Amino acid sequence: MDVGLKLLFSCVVVFMVFVNDSPAVCGGKAMEPLEMMVDGAENQCPSFSGSGGAYSDDMEDDAWQMVQKKGNQFVVNDEPFYVNGFNTYWLMVFAADDSTRGKVSEVFQQASAVGLTVCRTWAFNDGQWRALQKSPSVYDEVVFKALDFVVNEAKKYKIRLILSLTNNWEAYGGKAQYVKWGKAAGLNLTSDDQFFSHPTLKSYYKAHVKTVLNRVNTFTNMTYKEDPTIFAWELMNEPRCTLDPSGDTLQAWIEEMAVFVKSIDPKHLVEIGSEGFYGVSSPNRFQYNPNTYAQQVGTDFIRNHQVLGIDFASVHIYADSWISPTISDAHLQFTKSWMEAHIEDAEEYLGMPVLFSEFGVSANDPGYSSSFRDTLISTVYKTLLNSTKIGGGGAGSLLWQLFPEGTDYMDDGYAVVLSKSPSTSNIISLHSTRLAIFNSVCSWHCRWGCKKKHVLDVFLYRDDL
């Protein structure tokens, strides 16, 4: 079923629920169209050809506002916004070449067709092939225009972007490249982790942040810091500082950089980009870490996210990397307990939403099957829905990672090509539909002040999905 039709049906269902302020509406025959819609969604595979999806070249500005947070939930126009999203990190690099630029539009179209609304991607490429930042504060305008294209194209498909500003790892430069630049400038540096503490390296990073946030998009003539297409800024992909297992060094860096980003752009949300490992300030949470090494990498989930300027929590989920590459039910058990622990943290300690911004399973793992991937995705979605039903802090997830056809050479084992994966596509589409319905119901609930029971009745109509 086309996502547009699903949303239309959801609006009809919401109207049926709320025109009659009676508990019987949610529990009786008024629920039948909703169940029929969901049943239909299970058996329909989205179309990935042509210009389908939520393409909109002239989106009204009043319908495209900044995502904000309210308590432990995301909101747009003060109405709930639950995230079903994906990662495709290479969009800027592909957009920089005419021969691959079409793949950017293709992945947005396919994502939109299954109702995905947020994409996380890199707003950095430091000193390497197709570098955005060729050296400190020296930029390739062709690559910057490619990032402009990505932002503009995302808006056309009603997809918001989380833009990450650098990498903990060497891919696309990251902190290692900043250290190389520092050494070339004569600094005495012995560890890549000095990225987090050396004043010169921090000044390089701040200059990059300032340049990106103040960038005027050559397609829209809008500065990035004013563009609601951008969901949030991410300080760094998966920051770790093994040089200081106490966590103090990374904590100080987060505190400094979060405030710095907010000083330039107070309108957008900011998140760290963390994996979610518990550190020395939370020994009672060590039981949830995937291994003992996780508490020695200088991260400290709860402490890190109590920093001024950090708006929501980010967590990654990789049971196959952290526990064992061999597929087993233990992966599913870990995924569920890992998510539930962080949702509890978001509610009890942080008072903010938590976004599971990377999750997936590699086709290279021993025992891998597409059916296990589907089960893992369903486990993530089910755990989130359990939180959503009660207004909890589980605000959404981003699959790692979505690729269009013809990009197999970029696959790290985790790529999901929707057009080749009908069962996975259906699971994603169904989850998008349920979130769209719930967003609509919650919006009407907020506007009309109807009984909360109605919201729950609508959402609890089938617990087996």
Protein backbone atom coordinates (compact mmCIF):
# COMPACT_ATOMS: atom_id res chain seq x y z
CA MET A 1 0.00 0.00 0.00
CA ASP A 2 1.31 3.44 -0.88
CA VAL A 3 2.40 5.43 2.20
CA GLY A 4 0.23 8.35 1.13
CA LEU A 5 -2.84 6.12 1.14
CA LYS A 6 -1.88 4.71 4.51
CA LEU A 7 -1.67 8.17 6.00
CA LEU A 8 -5.03 9.05 4.44
CA PHE A 9 -6.59 5.98 6.03
CA SER A 10 -4.99 6.87 9.35
CA CYS A 11 -6.58 10.31 9.22
CA VAL A 12 -9.96 8.71 8.56
CA VAL A 13 -9.48 6.36 11.49
CA VAL A 14 -8.44 9.19 13.80
CA PHE A 15 -11.52 11.17 12.78
CA MET A 16 -13.74 8.14 13.49
CA VAL A 17 -12.19 7.75 16.90
CA PHE A 18 -12.61 11.32 18.01
CA VAL A 19 -15.91 12.48 16.54
CA ASN A 20 -17.64 10.28 19.08
CA ASP A 21 -16.20 10.75 22.57
CA SER A 22 -17.18 7.26 23.69
CA PRO A 23 -15.03 4.34 24.83
CA ALA A 24 -17.07 2.06 22.55
CA VAL A 25 -15.69 3.78 19.48
CA CYS A 26 -12.18 2.50 20.13
CA GLY A 27 -13.22 -0.98 21.19
CA GLY A 28 -16.04 -1.66 18.75
CA LYS A 29 -16.68 -1.68 15.02
CA ALA A 30 -14.86 1.59 14.46
CA MET A 31 -11.64 -0.39 14.83
CA GLU A 32 -12.35 -2.65 11.87
CA PRO A 33 -11.05 -0.29 9.17
CA LEU A 34 -7.86 0.15 11.18
CA GLU A 35 -7.26 -3.57 11.46
CA MET A 36 -7.99 -3.99 7.76
CA MET A 37 -5.48 -1.27 7.00
CA VAL A 38 -2.75 -2.89 9.07
CA ASP A 39 -3.50 -6.33 7.64
CA GLY A 40 -3.19 -4.84 4.19
CA ALA A 41 0.10 -3.22 5.09
CA GLU A 42 1.51 -6.59 6.06
CA ASN A 43 0.82 -8.05 2.63
CA GLN A 44 1.80 -5.15 0.40
CA CYS A 45 5.30 -4.38 -0.83
CA PRO A 46 6.00 -0.71 -1.61
CA SER A 47 6.84 0.27 -5.16
CA PHE A 48 10.40 1.47 -5.69
CA SER A 49 10.12 2.64 -9.29
CA GLY A 50 9.18 6.02 -10.69
CA SER A 51 8.76 9.13 -8.58
CA GLY A 52 6.61 7.67 -5.83
CA GLY A 53 7.00 8.52 -2.17
CA ALA A 54 6.37 11.73 -0.34
CA TYR A 55 8.02 13.98 -2.92
CA SER A 56 7.06 17.62 -2.51
CA ASP A 57 8.89 20.33 -4.44
CA ASP A 58 6.89 23.19 -2.93
CA MET A 59 6.37 22.24 0.68
CA GLU A 60 4.65 24.98 2.64
CA ASP A 61 6.97 26.50 5.22
CA ASP A 62 4.35 26.34 7.97
CA ALA A 63 4.18 22.57 7.51
CA TRP A 64 7.96 22.16 7.82
CA GLN A 65 9.07 23.38 11.22
CA MET A 66 12.00 22.56 13.46
CA VAL A 67 11.89 19.34 15.44
CA GLN A 68 12.05 20.16 19.13
CA LYS A 69 11.85 18.14 22.31
CA LYS A 70 9.22 18.35 25.00
CA GLY A 71 10.08 16.32 28.06
CA ASN A 72 11.08 12.88 26.86
CA GLN A 73 9.47 13.16 23.43
CA PHE A 74 10.17 14.87 20.11
CA VAL A 75 7.59 17.34 18.83
CA VAL A 76 6.93 19.32 15.66
CA ASN A 77 4.54 22.25 16.01
CA ASP A 78 4.08 21.03 19.58
CA GLU A 79 2.73 17.71 18.34
CA PRO A 80 4.38 14.28 18.82
CA PHE A 81 7.01 13.16 16.33
CA TYR A 82 8.13 9.54 16.60
CA VAL A 83 11.09 8.57 14.44
CA ASN A 84 11.43 5.71 12.00
CA GLY A 85 14.63 6.39 10.11
CA PHE A 86 17.82 5.12 8.53
CA ASN A 87 21.52 5.75 8.01
CA THR A 88 23.20 6.36 4.66
CA TYR A 89 26.51 7.96 5.50
CA TRP A 90 27.96 8.52 2.00
CA LEU A 91 25.33 10.86 0.54
CA MET A 92 27.57 13.93 0.30
CA VAL A 93 30.37 12.07 -1.49
CA PHE A 94 27.97 10.52 -3.98
CA ALA A 95 26.31 13.87 -4.61
CA ALA A 96 29.70 15.37 -5.48
CA ASP A 97 29.93 13.27 -8.65
CA ASP A 98 27.41 13.61 -11.48
CA SER A 99 27.63 9.88 -12.20
CA THR A 100 26.44 8.91 -8.70
CA ARG A 101 24.32 11.91 -7.65
CA GLY A 102 21.13 10.15 -8.74
CA LYS A 103 21.68 7.53 -6.04
CA VAL A 104 21.03 10.21 -3.41
CA SER A 105 17.59 10.91 -4.85
CA GLU A 106 16.98 7.18 -5.26
CA VAL A 107 17.65 6.29 -1.64
CA PHE A 108 15.46 9.18 -0.42
CA GLN A 109 12.63 8.11 -2.74
CA GLN A 110 12.79 4.50 -1.57
CA ALA A 111 12.98 5.50 2.09
CA SER A 112 10.01 7.81 1.69
CA ALA A 113 8.04 5.04 0.01
CA VAL A 114 8.16 2.98 3.22
CA GLY A 115 7.47 5.94 5.47
CA LEU A 116 10.97 6.62 6.79
CA THR A 117 11.25 10.23 7.95
CA VAL A 118 14.80 10.78 9.27
CA CYS A 119 18.21 10.07 7.76
CA ARG A 120 21.55 10.25 9.55
CA THR A 121 24.52 11.09 7.34
CA TRP A 122 27.99 12.64 7.43
CA ALA A 123 28.57 16.40 7.22
CA PHE A 124 32.31 15.77 7.27
CA ASN A 125 35.04 14.27 5.13
CA ASP A 126 38.38 15.33 6.50
CA GLY A 127 41.49 15.38 4.33
CA GLN A 128 40.73 12.27 2.30
CA TRP A 129 39.36 11.47 -1.16
CA ARG A 130 36.59 13.88 -2.06
CA ALA A 131 37.32 15.75 1.17
CA LEU A 132 34.93 18.44 2.30
CA GLN A 133 37.62 19.91 4.57
CA LYS A 134 40.91 19.56 2.72
CA SER A 135 42.90 21.08 5.58
CA PRO A 136 41.85 23.08 8.66
CA SER A 137 39.27 25.66 7.51
CA VAL A 138 40.02 24.99 3.81
CA TYR A 139 37.00 23.58 1.97
CA ASP A 140 36.22 22.11 -1.43
CA GLU A 141 33.27 24.14 -2.70
CA VAL A 142 32.21 21.36 -5.08
CA VAL A 143 31.80 18.98 -2.13
CA PHE A 144 30.06 21.62 -0.04
CA LYS A 145 27.58 22.16 -2.86
CA ALA A 146 27.05 18.40 -2.83
CA LEU A 147 26.06 18.61 0.83
CA ASP A 148 23.75 21.49 -0.10
CA PHE A 149 22.14 19.15 -2.65
CA VAL A 150 21.67 16.42 -0.04
CA VAL A 151 19.88 18.81 2.33
CA ASN A 152 17.69 20.20 -0.44
CA GLU A 153 16.85 16.76 -1.80
CA ALA A 154 15.96 15.44 1.66
CA LYS A 155 13.37 18.18 2.06
CA LYS A 156 11.77 17.26 -1.27
CA TYR A 157 11.06 13.80 0.11
CA LYS A 158 10.04 15.09 3.57
CA ILE A 159 13.04 13.46 5.19
CA ARG A 160 14.87 15.22 7.99
CA LEU A 161 18.62 14.90 8.52
CA ILE A 162 20.84 14.23 11.49
CA LEU A 163 24.20 15.63 10.41
CA SER A 164 27.29 14.23 12.11
CA LEU A 165 30.22 16.63 12.35
CA THR A 166 33.22 14.28 12.63
CA ASN A 167 34.22 10.68 13.27
CA ASN A 168 35.88 8.80 16.10
CA TRP A 169 37.20 6.38 13.48
CA GLU A 170 39.63 6.94 10.60
CA ALA A 171 36.97 6.54 7.91
CA TYR A 172 36.37 9.92 6.29
CA GLY A 173 39.21 11.43 8.32
CA GLY A 174 37.84 11.95 11.80
CA LYS A 175 39.93 12.62 14.88
CA ALA A 176 42.96 10.85 13.41
CA GLN A 177 43.05 13.37 10.55
CA TYR A 178 42.83 16.28 12.99
CA VAL A 179 45.85 14.85 14.82
CA LYS A 180 47.73 14.53 11.51
CA TRP A 181 46.99 18.17 10.78
CA GLY A 182 48.23 19.05 14.25
CA LYS A 183 51.46 17.14 13.78
CA ALA A 184 51.98 18.82 10.40
CA ALA A 185 51.67 22.16 12.22
CA GLY A 186 54.43 21.13 14.64
CA LEU A 187 52.38 19.97 17.61
CA ASN A 188 53.78 17.25 19.84
CA LEU A 189 50.97 14.70 19.71
CA THR A 190 51.25 11.04 20.66
CA SER A 191 47.63 9.83 20.62
CA ASP A 192 44.57 10.34 18.44
CA ASP A 193 42.62 10.83 21.66
CA GLN A 194 44.43 14.14 22.18
CA PHE A 195 41.84 15.41 19.73
CA PHE A 196 39.60 15.79 22.78
CA SER A 197 42.02 17.84 24.88
CA HIS A 198 44.57 19.76 22.79
CA PRO A 199 43.50 23.41 22.38
CA THR A 200 44.65 23.66 18.77
CA LEU A 201 42.79 20.52 17.68
CA LYS A 202 39.68 21.71 19.47
CA SER A 203 39.97 25.02 17.64
CA TYR A 204 40.14 23.13 14.31
CA TYR A 205 36.94 21.28 15.20
CA LYS A 206 35.16 24.42 16.34
CA ALA A 207 36.08 26.16 13.10
CA HIS A 208 34.55 23.28 11.15
CA VAL A 209 31.37 23.40 13.24
CA LYS A 210 31.07 27.14 12.72
CA THR A 211 31.58 26.79 8.97
CA VAL A 212 28.95 24.08 8.54
CA LEU A 213 26.32 25.67 10.76
CA ASN A 214 26.70 29.04 9.05
CA ARG A 215 26.78 27.58 5.55
CA VAL A 216 24.32 29.20 3.13
CA ASN A 217 22.77 26.46 1.02
CA THR A 218 23.34 27.27 -2.65
CA PHE A 219 20.04 25.57 -3.59
CA THR A 220 17.77 27.20 -1.00
CA ASN A 221 19.70 30.34 0.01
CA MET A 222 19.02 29.32 3.62
CA THR A 223 21.69 28.88 6.26
CA TYR A 224 21.94 25.41 7.68
CA LYS A 225 21.31 26.72 11.20
CA GLU A 226 17.94 28.06 10.04
CA ASP A 227 16.83 25.03 8.03
CA PRO A 228 14.18 22.77 9.63
CA THR A 229 15.22 19.98 7.26
CA ILE A 230 18.04 19.40 9.71
CA PHE A 231 16.71 17.38 12.63
CA ALA A 232 19.82 17.66 14.80
CA TRP A 233 23.57 18.12 14.95
CA GLU A 234 25.68 15.20 16.11
CA LEU A 235 28.98 16.13 17.78
CA MET A 236 30.80 12.98 16.66
CA ASN A 237 30.11 9.49 15.41
CA GLU A 238 30.75 7.05 18.28
CA PRO A 239 33.17 9.09 20.42
CA ARG A 240 35.56 7.09 22.57
CA CYS A 241 38.59 8.22 24.59
CA THR A 242 40.48 5.13 25.73
CA LEU A 243 43.38 7.38 26.80
CA ASP A 244 41.24 8.37 29.79
CA PRO A 245 38.97 5.52 31.01
CA SER A 246 37.73 7.75 33.85
CA GLY A 247 35.62 9.56 31.28
CA ASP A 248 36.69 13.02 32.43
CA THR A 249 38.40 14.00 29.19
CA LEU A 250 35.49 13.10 26.94
CA GLN A 251 33.03 14.63 29.40
CA ALA A 252 34.87 17.95 29.30
CA TRP A 253 34.94 17.89 25.50
CA ILE A 254 31.20 17.22 25.29
CA GLU A 255 30.49 20.03 27.76
CA GLU A 256 32.59 22.48 25.76
CA MET A 257 31.34 21.51 22.30
CA ALA A 258 27.64 21.23 23.15
CA VAL A 259 27.61 24.79 24.45
CA PHE A 260 29.67 25.94 21.46
CA VAL A 261 27.18 24.48 18.97
CA LYS A 262 24.26 26.01 20.85
CA SER A 263 26.00 29.41 20.90
CA ILE A 264 25.92 29.39 17.09
CA ASP A 265 22.64 27.57 16.60
CA PRO A 266 20.22 27.61 19.53
CA LYS A 267 17.32 26.40 17.36
CA HIS A 268 18.39 22.88 16.41
CA LEU A 269 18.64 19.87 18.66
CA VAL A 270 22.11 18.58 19.58
CA GLU A 271 23.17 15.04 20.42
CA ILE A 272 26.51 13.39 21.15
CA GLY A 273 26.57 10.39 18.78
CA SER A 274 27.37 7.96 21.59
CA GLU A 275 27.06 4.18 21.53
CA GLY A 276 25.49 4.07 24.98
CA PHE A 277 28.17 2.36 27.08
CA TYR A 278 27.94 2.84 30.83
CA GLY A 279 30.99 4.31 32.57
CA VAL A 280 32.45 4.63 36.03
CA SER A 281 29.78 7.01 37.33
CA SER A 282 27.10 4.32 36.88
CA PRO A 283 28.51 1.02 38.19
CA ASN A 284 24.98 -0.21 38.86
CA ARG A 285 24.42 -0.18 35.07
CA PHE A 286 27.52 -2.21 34.16
CA GLN A 287 25.34 -5.32 34.01
CA TYR A 288 23.79 -3.96 30.81
CA ASN A 289 27.07 -3.34 29.00
CA PRO A 290 27.78 -5.94 26.31
CA ASN A 291 31.26 -6.69 27.71
CA THR A 292 33.72 -5.43 30.32
CA TYR A 293 35.73 -3.49 27.76
CA ALA A 294 32.75 -1.21 27.17
CA GLN A 295 33.24 0.44 30.56
CA GLN A 296 36.88 1.26 29.77
CA VAL A 297 36.54 3.35 26.60
CA GLY A 298 36.03 6.71 28.30
CA THR A 299 32.31 7.02 27.68
CA ASP A 300 29.72 7.37 30.41
CA PHE A 301 26.17 7.28 29.06
CA ILE A 302 24.18 8.90 31.87
CA ARG A 303 26.84 11.43 32.85
CA ASN A 304 27.52 12.39 29.23
CA HIS A 305 23.86 13.10 28.57
CA GLN A 306 23.37 15.30 31.62
CA VAL A 307 25.43 18.00 29.90
CA LEU A 308 23.94 21.43 29.23
CA GLY A 309 23.12 21.73 25.53
CA ILE A 310 22.54 18.03 24.87
CA ASP A 311 18.89 17.59 23.93
CA PHE A 312 18.45 13.86 23.45
CA ALA A 313 20.30 10.63 24.01
CA SER A 314 21.82 8.51 21.27
CA VAL A 315 22.48 4.78 21.49
CA HIS A 316 23.78 2.18 19.02
CA ILE A 317 22.99 -1.54 18.97
CA TYR A 318 25.47 -4.09 17.60
CA ALA A 319 25.14 -7.40 19.36
CA ASP A 320 27.13 -9.12 16.59
CA SER A 321 30.11 -6.79 17.10
CA TRP A 322 29.98 -6.53 20.87
CA ILE A 323 28.95 -10.01 22.02
CA SER A 324 29.65 -12.59 19.30
CA PRO A 325 29.60 -12.53 15.51
CA THR A 326 27.78 -15.87 15.47
CA ILE A 327 24.03 -15.32 15.21
CA SER A 328 22.00 -16.55 18.17
CA ASP A 329 18.95 -15.71 20.24
CA ALA A 330 21.33 -14.04 22.70
CA HIS A 331 21.54 -11.16 20.21
CA LEU A 332 17.83 -10.58 20.49
CA GLN A 333 17.85 -10.86 24.28
CA PHE A 334 20.70 -8.35 24.52
CA THR A 335 19.00 -5.95 22.11
CA LYS A 336 15.81 -5.91 24.16
CA SER A 337 17.52 -5.47 27.55
CA TRP A 338 19.97 -2.87 26.15
CA MET A 339 17.08 -0.81 24.77
CA GLU A 340 14.92 -1.12 27.86
CA ALA A 341 17.80 -0.03 30.10
CA HIS A 342 18.41 3.12 28.06
CA ILE A 343 14.74 3.95 27.80
CA GLU A 344 14.58 3.69 31.59
CA ASP A 345 17.62 6.00 31.84
CA ALA A 346 15.95 8.53 29.55
CA GLU A 347 12.88 8.56 31.76
CA GLU A 348 14.38 8.24 35.24
CA TYR A 349 17.67 10.13 35.03
CA LEU A 350 17.78 12.27 31.90
CA GLY A 351 14.28 13.53 31.19
CA MET A 352 14.88 13.44 27.45
CA PRO A 353 14.08 11.27 24.42
CA VAL A 354 16.43 8.44 23.47
CA LEU A 355 17.05 7.63 19.82
CA PHE A 356 18.58 4.30 18.83
CA SER A 357 20.50 5.90 16.01
CA GLU A 358 22.25 2.80 14.66
CA PHE A 359 21.16 -0.81 14.70
CA GLY A 360 21.55 -3.73 12.36
CA VAL A 361 23.11 -7.11 11.70
CA SER A 362 25.78 -8.08 9.19
CA ALA A 363 25.17 -10.55 6.39
CA ASN A 364 28.79 -11.64 6.95
CA ASP A 365 28.01 -13.06 10.40
CA PRO A 366 28.07 -16.87 10.77
CA GLY A 367 24.49 -18.13 10.83
CA TYR A 368 23.08 -14.97 9.26
CA SER A 369 19.76 -15.12 7.42
CA SER A 370 17.38 -12.46 6.16
CA SER A 371 14.73 -13.89 8.46
CA PHE A 372 16.97 -13.22 11.47
CA ARG A 373 17.48 -9.66 10.25
CA ASP A 374 13.71 -9.26 10.07
CA THR A 375 13.37 -10.65 13.59
CA LEU A 376 16.00 -8.25 14.90
CA ILE A 377 14.32 -5.26 13.26
CA SER A 378 10.96 -6.39 14.62
CA THR A 379 12.49 -6.71 18.11
CA VAL A 380 13.75 -3.14 17.96
CA TYR A 381 10.40 -1.85 16.72
CA LYS A 382 8.40 -3.86 19.24
CA THR A 383 10.52 -2.60 22.14
CA LEU A 384 10.04 0.97 20.98
CA LEU A 385 6.29 0.52 20.57
CA ASN A 386 6.04 -0.78 24.11
CA SER A 387 7.52 2.54 25.22
CA THR A 388 5.47 4.61 22.80
CA LYS A 389 2.20 3.15 24.06
CA ILE A 390 2.79 4.59 27.52
CA GLY A 391 4.33 7.89 26.43
CA GLY A 392 7.83 6.71 27.32
CA GLY A 393 11.24 7.97 26.26
CA GLY A 394 11.80 5.53 23.40
CA ALA A 395 11.56 8.08 20.61
CA GLY A 396 12.66 6.10 17.58
CA SER A 397 15.36 4.23 15.70
CA LEU A 398 17.58 4.51 12.63
CA LEU A 399 18.46 1.37 10.69
CA TRP A 400 22.09 0.85 9.71
CA GLN A 401 21.99 1.07 6.77
CA LEU A 402 19.88 1.74 3.67
CA PHE A 403 21.35 1.45 0.16
CA PRO A 404 19.81 1.69 -3.31
CA GLU A 405 20.58 -0.87 -5.98
CA GLY A 406 23.95 -0.56 -7.68
CA THR A 407 25.91 0.44 -4.58
CA ASP A 408 26.86 -3.05 -3.43
CA TYR A 409 30.55 -2.20 -3.55
CA MET A 410 29.95 0.12 -0.56
CA ASP A 411 28.26 -2.61 1.49
CA ASP A 412 29.91 -3.34 4.85
CA GLY A 413 27.60 -6.33 5.33
CA TYR A 414 24.80 -4.31 6.93
CA ALA A 415 23.27 -2.83 3.77
CA VAL A 416 19.54 -3.18 3.27
CA VAL A 417 18.37 -2.75 -0.33
CA LEU A 418 14.61 -2.37 0.00
CA SER A 419 13.82 -3.32 -3.59
CA LYS A 420 15.56 -6.67 -3.01
CA SER A 421 14.14 -7.25 0.47
CA PRO A 422 10.33 -7.35 0.35
CA SER A 423 9.84 -8.86 3.81
CA THR A 424 12.11 -6.29 5.44
CA SER A 425 10.42 -3.50 3.49
CA ASN A 426 7.03 -4.62 4.75
CA ILE A 427 8.20 -4.65 8.37
CA ILE A 428 9.60 -1.12 8.02
CA SER A 429 6.49 0.11 6.23
CA LEU A 430 4.15 -1.36 8.83
CA HIS A 431 6.11 0.26 11.64
CA SER A 432 5.99 3.60 9.82
CA THR A 433 2.23 3.24 9.44
CA ARG A 434 1.70 2.51 13.11
CA LEU A 435 3.81 5.51 14.12
CA ALA A 436 1.91 7.73 11.68
CA ILE A 437 -1.37 6.61 13.20
CA PHE A 438 -0.11 7.13 16.72
CA ASN A 439 1.28 10.58 15.86
CA SER A 440 -2.11 11.50 14.42
CA VAL A 441 -4.04 10.15 17.39
CA CYS A 442 -1.79 11.93 19.86
CA SER A 443 -2.17 15.18 17.91
CA TRP A 444 -5.95 14.97 18.09
CA HIS A 445 -5.72 14.01 21.73
CA CYS A 446 -3.66 17.14 22.44
CA ARG A 447 -6.00 19.37 20.46
CA TRP A 448 -9.35 18.04 21.65
CA GLY A 449 -8.43 16.97 25.15
CA CYS A 450 -10.05 13.57 24.69
CA LYS A 451 -9.53 10.80 27.17
CA LYS A 452 -6.11 9.19 27.07
CA LYS A 453 -7.81 5.82 27.12
CA HIS A 454 -8.86 6.43 23.52
CA VAL A 455 -5.25 6.88 22.47
CA LEU A 456 -4.25 3.63 24.13
CA ASP A 457 -7.28 1.73 22.83
CA VAL A 458 -6.41 2.67 19.27
CA PHE A 459 -2.82 1.72 19.70
CA LEU A 460 -3.36 -1.51 21.59
CA TYR A 461 -5.77 -2.91 19.01
CA ARG A 462 -3.30 -5.63 18.05
CA ASP A 463 -0.46 -6.57 20.35
CA ASP A 464 0.84 -9.40 18.17
CA LEU A 465 2.50 -7.13 15.59
